[in-house]
Structure formats: structure tokens, C-alpha cells
Amino acid sequence: MNEGRSAKSSLFLMELITAIFFFALSAAICLRIFSVASTMNQSNRNLDQAVYKAESLAEIFKAAGGDLAKTAAIYGGFGAVTGNTMRIGFDKDWKPVLQGKEYVYKLELVMEEFPYLRSAWITLSKADDDEIFRLPVKIASGGVQHGR
């Protein structure tokens, strides 16, 4: 009689161990999924902010007629202009930081001038130069272009 009860107890214990194993396996898989989702969420947030900042700066650049000093002044004075390049640093919450301070993201506008055309690339990247987004900007600077 005790043997039947012992066999039932060990069978129940094996079922319980199997159920706990599958529960632990399912929990591990769910944690991995949530971890990947969190990483993707942060990546998408960075891309959204990068697109917003690049488009804003492109509109300011166009409104300033392609003048980098005016563009930096309109943007709030956070941009540092060196030659044909303007740089702005951002903290982890995408707020501009003053030059010389630690930044997590950086925006770089590099301008090239051609006859009747000002062209620029706006590049947003992480501090370690891992590019997030890149946007071309072109401004016609007067005159009539002939030819094909």
C-alpha cells in the first residue's frame, strides 16, 4: 500500500519538476523578448529624435540662406561653426549642450558650395561616431542655370 502511494508521490514530483522547468524556460524566453524590445524601443526613439533634429536644422539652414553663423544663432547659439562645418552636441535626453561639455549625440552640418548651389549633409551620430541618420540639404543661391 505504501508502494502505490510512493509511486504516485514520485510521479507527482516529476510532473511538478517538469512544469517548473517549462515555466522557467518560458520566463527566460519572455525576458529575452522584453530585453530586445527595450533595445529596439531606444533605437527607434533615437532615430525619431535624429530625424526631427535634422529636419529642424535643415529648415533653419534654408531660412538662413545657407549661412552657418546665422544658422547657429537661430538654433540658440549651441552650434560651433568652424569653416564650412557646424557641430552641436546633445545629452542623453536630446537637449543641446554647450560646447566643451560632455555629449552623447552629435549633429554635424558640412556645407559645400557650387555655382548657384549650396549643398550640405546633416549627420547625426552617437558620440562614438555610430551614425544614426543622415540628411542632404540643397539651396539654390540665385541666378539661372542653363544646360541640361
C-alpha atoms as a PDB file:
ATOM      1  CA  MET A   1       0.000   0.000   0.000  1.00  0.00           C
ATOM      2  CA  ASN A   2       2.835   2.385   0.766  1.00  0.00           C
ATOM      3  CA  GLU A   3       4.484   1.432  -2.508  1.00  0.00           C
ATOM      4  CA  GLY A   4       1.469   2.693  -4.501  1.00  0.00           C
ATOM      5  CA  ARG A   5       1.418   5.916  -2.539  1.00  0.00           C
ATOM      6  CA  SER A   6       5.221   6.352  -3.010  1.00  0.00           C
ATOM      7  CA  ALA A   7       4.938   5.761  -6.769  1.00  0.00           C
ATOM      8  CA  LYS A   8       2.129   8.340  -7.009  1.00  0.00           C
ATOM      9  CA  SER A   9       4.200  10.845  -4.988  1.00  0.00           C
ATOM     10  CA  SER A  10       7.287  10.419  -7.162  1.00  0.00           C
ATOM     11  CA  LEU A  11       5.176  10.728 -10.333  1.00  0.00           C
ATOM     12  CA  PHE A  12       3.603  13.924  -8.966  1.00  0.00           C
ATOM     13  CA  LEU A  13       7.071  15.252  -8.057  1.00  0.00           C
ATOM     14  CA  MET A  14       8.356  14.553 -11.591  1.00  0.00           C
ATOM     15  CA  GLU A  15       5.350  16.328 -13.110  1.00  0.00           C
ATOM     16  CA  LEU A  16       5.925  19.272 -10.778  1.00  0.00           C
ATOM     17  CA  ILE A  17       9.626  19.460 -11.708  1.00  0.00           C
ATOM     18  CA  THR A  18       8.741  19.287 -15.416  1.00  0.00           C
ATOM     19  CA  ALA A  19       6.159  22.074 -15.010  1.00  0.00           C
ATOM     20  CA  ILE A  20       8.687  24.261 -13.152  1.00  0.00           C
ATOM     21  CA  PHE A  21      11.274  23.603 -15.884  1.00  0.00           C
ATOM     22  CA  PHE A  22       8.873  24.698 -18.636  1.00  0.00           C
ATOM     23  CA  PHE A  23       7.816  27.731 -16.604  1.00  0.00           C
ATOM     24  CA  ALA A  24      11.473  28.743 -16.096  1.00  0.00           C
ATOM     25  CA  LEU A  25      12.208  28.222 -19.796  1.00  0.00           C
ATOM     26  CA  SER A  26       9.167  30.322 -20.767  1.00  0.00           C
ATOM     27  CA  ALA A  27      10.199  33.063 -18.323  1.00  0.00           C
ATOM     28  CA  ALA A  28      13.727  33.153 -19.767  1.00  0.00           C
ATOM     29  CA  ILE A  29      12.357  33.463 -23.309  1.00  0.00           C
ATOM     30  CA  CYS A  30       9.955  36.246 -22.255  1.00  0.00           C
ATOM     31  CA  LEU A  31      12.756  38.171 -20.529  1.00  0.00           C
ATOM     32  CA  ARG A  32      14.860  37.931 -23.668  1.00  0.00           C
ATOM     33  CA  ILE A  33      11.953  39.206 -25.785  1.00  0.00           C
ATOM     34  CA  PHE A  34      11.384  42.148 -23.416  1.00  0.00           C
ATOM     35  CA  SER A  35      15.101  42.950 -23.453  1.00  0.00           C
ATOM     36  CA  VAL A  36      15.206  43.026 -27.256  1.00  0.00           C
ATOM     37  CA  ALA A  37      12.011  45.107 -27.349  1.00  0.00           C
ATOM     38  CA  SER A  38      13.523  47.630 -24.953  1.00  0.00           C
ATOM     39  CA  THR A  39      16.654  47.928 -27.086  1.00  0.00           C
ATOM     40  CA  MET A  40      14.564  48.372 -30.239  1.00  0.00           C
ATOM     41  CA  ASN A  41      12.434  50.996 -28.490  1.00  0.00           C
ATOM     42  CA  GLN A  42      15.519  53.040 -27.550  1.00  0.00           C
ATOM     43  CA  SER A  43      16.916  52.677 -31.066  1.00  0.00           C
ATOM     44  CA  ASN A  44      13.635  53.857 -32.605  1.00  0.00           C
ATOM     45  CA  ARG A  45      13.447  56.759 -30.155  1.00  0.00           C
ATOM     46  CA  ASN A  46      16.971  57.815 -31.167  1.00  0.00           C
ATOM     47  CA  LEU A  47      16.058  57.602 -34.853  1.00  0.00           C
ATOM     48  CA  ASP A  48      12.875  59.664 -34.325  1.00  0.00           C
ATOM     49  CA  GLN A  49      14.798  62.346 -32.446  1.00  0.00           C
ATOM     50  CA  ALA A  50      17.609  62.349 -35.023  1.00  0.00           C
ATOM     51  CA  VAL A  51      15.151  62.824 -37.901  1.00  0.00           C
ATOM     52  CA  TYR A  52      13.374  65.619 -36.013  1.00  0.00           C
ATOM     53  CA  LYS A  53      16.639  67.434 -35.185  1.00  0.00           C
ATOM     54  CA  ALA A  54      17.993  67.050 -38.743  1.00  0.00           C
ATOM     55  CA  GLU A  55      14.789  68.323 -40.356  1.00  0.00           C
ATOM     56  CA  SER A  56      14.625  71.261 -37.939  1.00  0.00           C
ATOM     57  CA  LEU A  57      18.216  72.228 -38.643  1.00  0.00           C
ATOM     58  CA  ALA A  58      17.673  71.829 -42.409  1.00  0.00           C
ATOM     59  CA  GLU A  59      14.757  74.281 -42.277  1.00  0.00           C
ATOM     60  CA  ILE A  60      16.788  76.743 -40.210  1.00  0.00           C
ATOM     61  CA  PHE A  61      19.719  76.373 -42.632  1.00  0.00           C
ATOM     62  CA  LYS A  62      17.416  77.108 -45.577  1.00  0.00           C
ATOM     63  CA  ALA A  63      15.818  80.093 -43.797  1.00  0.00           C
ATOM     64  CA  ALA A  64      19.296  81.494 -43.055  1.00  0.00           C
ATOM     65  CA  GLY A  65      20.165  81.237 -46.749  1.00  0.00           C
ATOM     66  CA  GLY A  66      22.926  78.735 -46.098  1.00  0.00           C
ATOM     67  CA  ASP A  67      24.810  80.987 -43.663  1.00  0.00           C
ATOM     68  CA  LEU A  68      26.262  78.761 -40.934  1.00  0.00           C
ATOM     69  CA  ALA A  69      26.764  81.599 -38.427  1.00  0.00           C
ATOM     70  CA  LYS A  70      23.117  82.660 -38.783  1.00  0.00           C
ATOM     71  CA  THR A  71      22.015  79.026 -38.556  1.00  0.00           C
ATOM     72  CA  ALA A  72      23.917  78.574 -35.288  1.00  0.00           C
ATOM     73  CA  ALA A  73      22.493  81.838 -33.899  1.00  0.00           C
ATOM     74  CA  ILE A  74      18.908  80.908 -34.814  1.00  0.00           C
ATOM     75  CA  TYR A  75      19.369  77.425 -33.322  1.00  0.00           C
ATOM     76  CA  GLY A  76      20.076  79.058 -29.980  1.00  0.00           C
ATOM     77  CA  GLY A  77      23.807  79.586 -30.081  1.00  0.00           C
ATOM     78  CA  PHE A  78      24.596  75.955 -29.292  1.00  0.00           C
ATOM     79  CA  GLY A  79      26.297  75.320 -32.623  1.00  0.00           C
ATOM     80  CA  ALA A  80      30.050  75.712 -33.057  1.00  0.00           C
ATOM     81  CA  VAL A  81      30.999  76.854 -36.564  1.00  0.00           C
ATOM     82  CA  THR A  82      34.430  76.023 -37.963  1.00  0.00           C
ATOM     83  CA  GLY A  83      34.971  76.821 -41.623  1.00  0.00           C
ATOM     84  CA  ASN A  84      32.220  75.044 -43.544  1.00  0.00           C
ATOM     85  CA  THR A  85      31.198  72.802 -40.628  1.00  0.00           C
ATOM     86  CA  MET A  86      28.753  73.303 -37.771  1.00  0.00           C
ATOM     87  CA  ARG A  87      28.609  70.959 -34.766  1.00  0.00           C
ATOM     88  CA  ILE A  88      26.064  70.642 -31.976  1.00  0.00           C
ATOM     89  CA  GLY A  89      26.210  68.208 -29.053  1.00  0.00           C
ATOM     90  CA  PHE A  90      23.184  66.688 -27.300  1.00  0.00           C
ATOM     91  CA  ASP A  91      22.795  64.974 -23.929  1.00  0.00           C
ATOM     92  CA  LYS A  92      21.061  61.620 -23.376  1.00  0.00           C
ATOM     93  CA  ASP A  93      17.633  63.358 -23.446  1.00  0.00           C
ATOM     94  CA  TRP A  94      18.417  65.064 -26.788  1.00  0.00           C
ATOM     95  CA  LYS A  95      18.789  68.524 -25.251  1.00  0.00           C
ATOM     96  CA  PRO A  96      21.577  70.675 -26.738  1.00  0.00           C
ATOM     97  CA  VAL A  97      24.663  71.105 -24.573  1.00  0.00           C
ATOM     98  CA  LEU A  98      27.147  73.966 -24.568  1.00  0.00           C
ATOM     99  CA  GLN A  99      30.396  73.470 -26.442  1.00  0.00           C
ATOM    100  CA  GLY A 100      33.077  71.740 -24.413  1.00  0.00           C
ATOM    101  CA  LYS A 101      30.571  69.792 -22.302  1.00  0.00           C
ATOM    102  CA  GLU A 102      30.079  66.020 -22.425  1.00  0.00           C
ATOM    103  CA  TYR A 103      27.650  64.927 -25.128  1.00  0.00           C
ATOM    104  CA  VAL A 104      26.000  61.622 -26.015  1.00  0.00           C
ATOM    105  CA  TYR A 105      24.821  62.506 -29.537  1.00  0.00           C
ATOM    106  CA  LYS A 106      26.294  64.923 -32.021  1.00  0.00           C
ATOM    107  CA  LEU A 107      24.943  66.737 -35.045  1.00  0.00           C
ATOM    108  CA  GLU A 108      27.276  67.810 -37.809  1.00  0.00           C
ATOM    109  CA  LEU A 109      26.362  70.014 -40.772  1.00  0.00           C
ATOM    110  CA  VAL A 110      29.030  70.070 -43.506  1.00  0.00           C
ATOM    111  CA  MET A 111      28.424  72.546 -46.321  1.00  0.00           C
ATOM    112  CA  GLU A 112      29.810  72.601 -49.864  1.00  0.00           C
ATOM    113  CA  GLU A 113      29.366  75.483 -52.289  1.00  0.00           C
ATOM    114  CA  PHE A 114      28.920  75.096 -56.014  1.00  0.00           C
ATOM    115  CA  PRO A 115      27.967  77.724 -58.580  1.00  0.00           C
ATOM    116  CA  TYR A 116      24.329  78.673 -57.862  1.00  0.00           C
ATOM    117  CA  LEU A 117      24.010  75.915 -55.262  1.00  0.00           C
ATOM    118  CA  ARG A 118      24.776  75.392 -51.606  1.00  0.00           C
ATOM    119  CA  SER A 119      24.755  71.775 -50.609  1.00  0.00           C
ATOM    120  CA  ALA A 120      25.105  70.299 -47.138  1.00  0.00           C
ATOM    121  CA  TRP A 121      24.939  66.994 -45.318  1.00  0.00           C
ATOM    122  CA  ILE A 122      23.416  66.877 -41.852  1.00  0.00           C
ATOM    123  CA  THR A 123      24.668  63.849 -39.953  1.00  0.00           C
ATOM    124  CA  LEU A 124      23.520  62.763 -36.507  1.00  0.00           C
ATOM    125  CA  SER A 125      25.552  60.161 -34.700  1.00  0.00           C
ATOM    126  CA  LYS A 126      26.390  58.853 -31.282  1.00  0.00           C
ATOM    127  CA  ALA A 127      29.487  60.178 -29.523  1.00  0.00           C
ATOM    128  CA  ASP A 128      31.423  57.114 -30.755  1.00  0.00           C
ATOM    129  CA  ASP A 129      30.622  58.079 -34.407  1.00  0.00           C
ATOM    130  CA  ASP A 130      27.967  55.370 -34.855  1.00  0.00           C
ATOM    131  CA  GLU A 131      25.754  57.105 -37.459  1.00  0.00           C
ATOM    132  CA  ILE A 132      22.035  57.316 -36.675  1.00  0.00           C
ATOM    133  CA  PHE A 133      20.685  59.449 -39.536  1.00  0.00           C
ATOM    134  CA  ARG A 134      21.962  61.470 -42.498  1.00  0.00           C
ATOM    135  CA  LEU A 135      20.069  64.111 -44.464  1.00  0.00           C
ATOM    136  CA  PRO A 136      21.119  66.026 -47.618  1.00  0.00           C
ATOM    137  CA  VAL A 137      20.131  69.703 -47.948  1.00  0.00           C
ATOM    138  CA  LYS A 138      20.397  71.811 -51.090  1.00  0.00           C
ATOM    139  CA  ILE A 139      19.707  75.533 -51.535  1.00  0.00           C
ATOM    140  CA  ALA A 140      19.621  77.311 -54.879  1.00  0.00           C
ATOM    141  CA  SER A 141      21.610  80.510 -54.379  1.00  0.00           C
ATOM    142  CA  GLY A 142      20.234  82.689 -57.141  1.00  0.00           C
ATOM    143  CA  GLY A 143      20.984  83.034 -60.801  1.00  0.00           C
ATOM    144  CA  VAL A 144      19.762  80.943 -63.664  1.00  0.00           C
ATOM    145  CA  GLN A 145      21.337  77.664 -64.544  1.00  0.00           C
ATOM    146  CA  HIS A 146      21.481  76.785 -68.211  1.00  0.00           C
ATOM    147  CA  GLY A 147      22.164  73.483 -69.837  1.00  0.00           C
ATOM    148  CA  ARG A 148      20.895  70.012 -69.200  1.00  0.00           C
END
